Amino acid sequence: MPRPDDGARNDAAQKVILIAAADCTGHGVPGAMVSVVCSNALDRTVKEFKITEPGKILDKVRELVLETLKKAKAIFRMEWIYPY
């Protein structure tokens, strides 16, 4: 039976653990909202897009956050035009 160090790649034997720390203390509700948007973008980047390199993670998270904020801005504008 081949061992992982024999050159044979075994996906079950290779695990990657990624840790992220962020702080929005003191920014109130807007900081909390951005934290949620960033957390979701980080999850999507790693799980959906399978990106594990730190620089590429940050690039994709930035892209997803901007995309989300643009959508939210468009929805907010629509609410002013068509109030419920």
C-alpha atoms as a PDB file:
ATOM      1  CA  MET A   1       0.000   0.000   0.000  1.00  0.00           C
ATOM      2  CA  PRO A   2       1.557   3.344  -1.020  1.00  0.00           C
ATOM      3  CA  ARG A   3       2.182   5.931   1.659  1.00  0.00           C
ATOM      4  CA  PRO A   4       1.596   9.676   1.046  1.00  0.00           C
ATOM      5  CA  ASP A   5       5.334  10.348   1.328  1.00  0.00           C
ATOM      6  CA  ASP A   6       6.058   7.777  -1.403  1.00  0.00           C
ATOM      7  CA  GLY A   7       4.897  10.255  -4.052  1.00  0.00           C
ATOM      8  CA  ALA A   8       1.353   8.946  -4.267  1.00  0.00           C
ATOM      9  CA  ARG A   9      -1.154  11.727  -3.612  1.00  0.00           C
ATOM     10  CA  ASN A  10      -4.037  10.872  -1.331  1.00  0.00           C
ATOM     11  CA  ASP A  11      -6.686  13.598  -0.976  1.00  0.00           C
ATOM     12  CA  ALA A  12      -7.899  12.164   2.330  1.00  0.00           C
ATOM     13  CA  ALA A  13      -4.376  12.411   3.762  1.00  0.00           C
ATOM     14  CA  GLN A  14      -3.945  16.056   2.715  1.00  0.00           C
ATOM     15  CA  LYS A  15      -5.955  18.467   4.795  1.00  0.00           C
ATOM     16  CA  VAL A  16      -5.717  22.217   4.672  1.00  0.00           C
ATOM     17  CA  ILE A  17      -6.738  24.305   7.663  1.00  0.00           C
ATOM     18  CA  LEU A  18      -7.313  27.992   7.037  1.00  0.00           C
ATOM     19  CA  ILE A  19      -7.755  30.443   9.897  1.00  0.00           C
ATOM     20  CA  ALA A  20      -8.989  34.017   9.524  1.00  0.00           C
ATOM     21  CA  ALA A  21      -9.248  36.702  12.182  1.00  0.00           C
ATOM     22  CA  ALA A  22     -11.057  40.003  11.692  1.00  0.00           C
ATOM     23  CA  ASP A  23     -12.138  42.790  14.002  1.00  0.00           C
ATOM     24  CA  CYS A  24     -14.881  45.403  13.525  1.00  0.00           C
ATOM     25  CA  THR A  25     -15.100  46.407  17.181  1.00  0.00           C
ATOM     26  CA  GLY A  26     -16.402  49.924  17.605  1.00  0.00           C
ATOM     27  CA  HIS A  27     -18.042  50.209  14.180  1.00  0.00           C
ATOM     28  CA  GLY A  28     -21.551  49.300  15.303  1.00  0.00           C
ATOM     29  CA  VAL A  29     -24.223  48.011  12.945  1.00  0.00           C
ATOM     30  CA  PRO A  30     -22.412  48.998   9.702  1.00  0.00           C
ATOM     31  CA  GLY A  31     -19.322  47.090  10.864  1.00  0.00           C
ATOM     32  CA  ALA A  32     -21.440  44.084  11.751  1.00  0.00           C
ATOM     33  CA  MET A  33     -23.079  44.111   8.319  1.00  0.00           C
ATOM     34  CA  VAL A  34     -19.719  44.301   6.556  1.00  0.00           C
ATOM     35  CA  SER A  35     -18.470  41.469   8.782  1.00  0.00           C
ATOM     36  CA  VAL A  36     -21.336  39.252   7.636  1.00  0.00           C
ATOM     37  CA  VAL A  37     -20.757  40.127   3.969  1.00  0.00           C
ATOM     38  CA  CYS A  38     -17.007  39.438   4.323  1.00  0.00           C
ATOM     39  CA  SER A  39     -17.559  36.185   6.194  1.00  0.00           C
ATOM     40  CA  ASN A  40     -19.905  34.919   3.485  1.00  0.00           C
ATOM     41  CA  ALA A  41     -17.454  35.980   0.764  1.00  0.00           C
ATOM     42  CA  LEU A  42     -14.616  34.193   2.549  1.00  0.00           C
ATOM     43  CA  ASP A  43     -16.678  31.002   2.883  1.00  0.00           C
ATOM     44  CA  ARG A  44     -17.641  31.092  -0.789  1.00  0.00           C
ATOM     45  CA  THR A  45     -14.076  31.776  -1.878  1.00  0.00           C
ATOM     46  CA  VAL A  46     -12.664  28.751  -0.071  1.00  0.00           C
ATOM     47  CA  LYS A  47     -15.555  26.290  -0.376  1.00  0.00           C
ATOM     48  CA  GLU A  48     -17.154  27.157  -3.718  1.00  0.00           C
ATOM     49  CA  PHE A  49     -14.153  28.428  -5.683  1.00  0.00           C
ATOM     50  CA  LYS A  50     -11.608  26.138  -3.923  1.00  0.00           C
ATOM     51  CA  ILE A  51      -9.018  28.905  -3.524  1.00  0.00           C
ATOM     52  CA  THR A  52      -6.428  28.339  -0.785  1.00  0.00           C
ATOM     53  CA  GLU A  53      -3.600  30.776  -1.587  1.00  0.00           C
ATOM     54  CA  PRO A  54      -3.836  33.816   0.750  1.00  0.00           C
ATOM     55  CA  GLY A  55      -3.301  36.485  -1.924  1.00  0.00           C
ATOM     56  CA  LYS A  56      -5.826  34.911  -4.277  1.00  0.00           C
ATOM     57  CA  ILE A  57      -8.292  34.499  -1.396  1.00  0.00           C
ATOM     58  CA  LEU A  58      -8.087  38.219  -0.620  1.00  0.00           C
ATOM     59  CA  ASP A  59      -8.527  39.133  -4.299  1.00  0.00           C
ATOM     60  CA  LYS A  60     -11.626  36.943  -4.668  1.00  0.00           C
ATOM     61  CA  VAL A  61     -13.111  38.080  -1.342  1.00  0.00           C
ATOM     62  CA  ARG A  62     -12.697  41.708  -2.423  1.00  0.00           C
ATOM     63  CA  GLU A  63     -14.406  40.937  -5.740  1.00  0.00           C
ATOM     64  CA  LEU A  64     -17.333  39.197  -4.025  1.00  0.00           C
ATOM     65  CA  VAL A  65     -17.737  41.925  -1.379  1.00  0.00           C
ATOM     66  CA  LEU A  66     -17.851  44.663  -4.022  1.00  0.00           C
ATOM     67  CA  GLU A  67     -20.347  42.615  -6.051  1.00  0.00           C
ATOM     68  CA  THR A  68     -22.564  42.155  -2.977  1.00  0.00           C
ATOM     69  CA  LEU A  69     -22.415  45.839  -2.017  1.00  0.00           C
ATOM     70  CA  LYS A  70     -23.316  46.906  -5.572  1.00  0.00           C
ATOM     71  CA  LYS A  71     -26.348  44.608  -5.477  1.00  0.00           C
ATOM     72  CA  ALA A  72     -27.366  45.971  -2.066  1.00  0.00           C
ATOM     73  CA  LYS A  73     -27.011  49.529  -3.329  1.00  0.00           C
ATOM     74  CA  ALA A  74     -29.264  48.748  -6.314  1.00  0.00           C
ATOM     75  CA  ILE A  75     -31.875  47.155  -4.035  1.00  0.00           C
ATOM     76  CA  PHE A  76     -31.739  50.125  -1.652  1.00  0.00           C
ATOM     77  CA  ARG A  77     -32.365  52.504  -4.580  1.00  0.00           C
ATOM     78  CA  MET A  78     -35.314  50.400  -5.747  1.00  0.00           C
ATOM     79  CA  GLU A  79     -36.848  50.556  -2.260  1.00  0.00           C
ATOM     80  CA  TRP A  80     -36.831  54.335  -2.426  1.00  0.00           C
ATOM     81  CA  ILE A  81     -38.521  54.271  -5.827  1.00  0.00           C
ATOM     82  CA  TYR A  82     -40.996  51.498  -5.005  1.00  0.00           C
ATOM     83  CA  PRO A  83     -41.632  51.606  -1.263  1.00  0.00           C
ATOM     84  CA  TYR A  84     -43.430  48.588   0.203  1.00  0.00           C
END
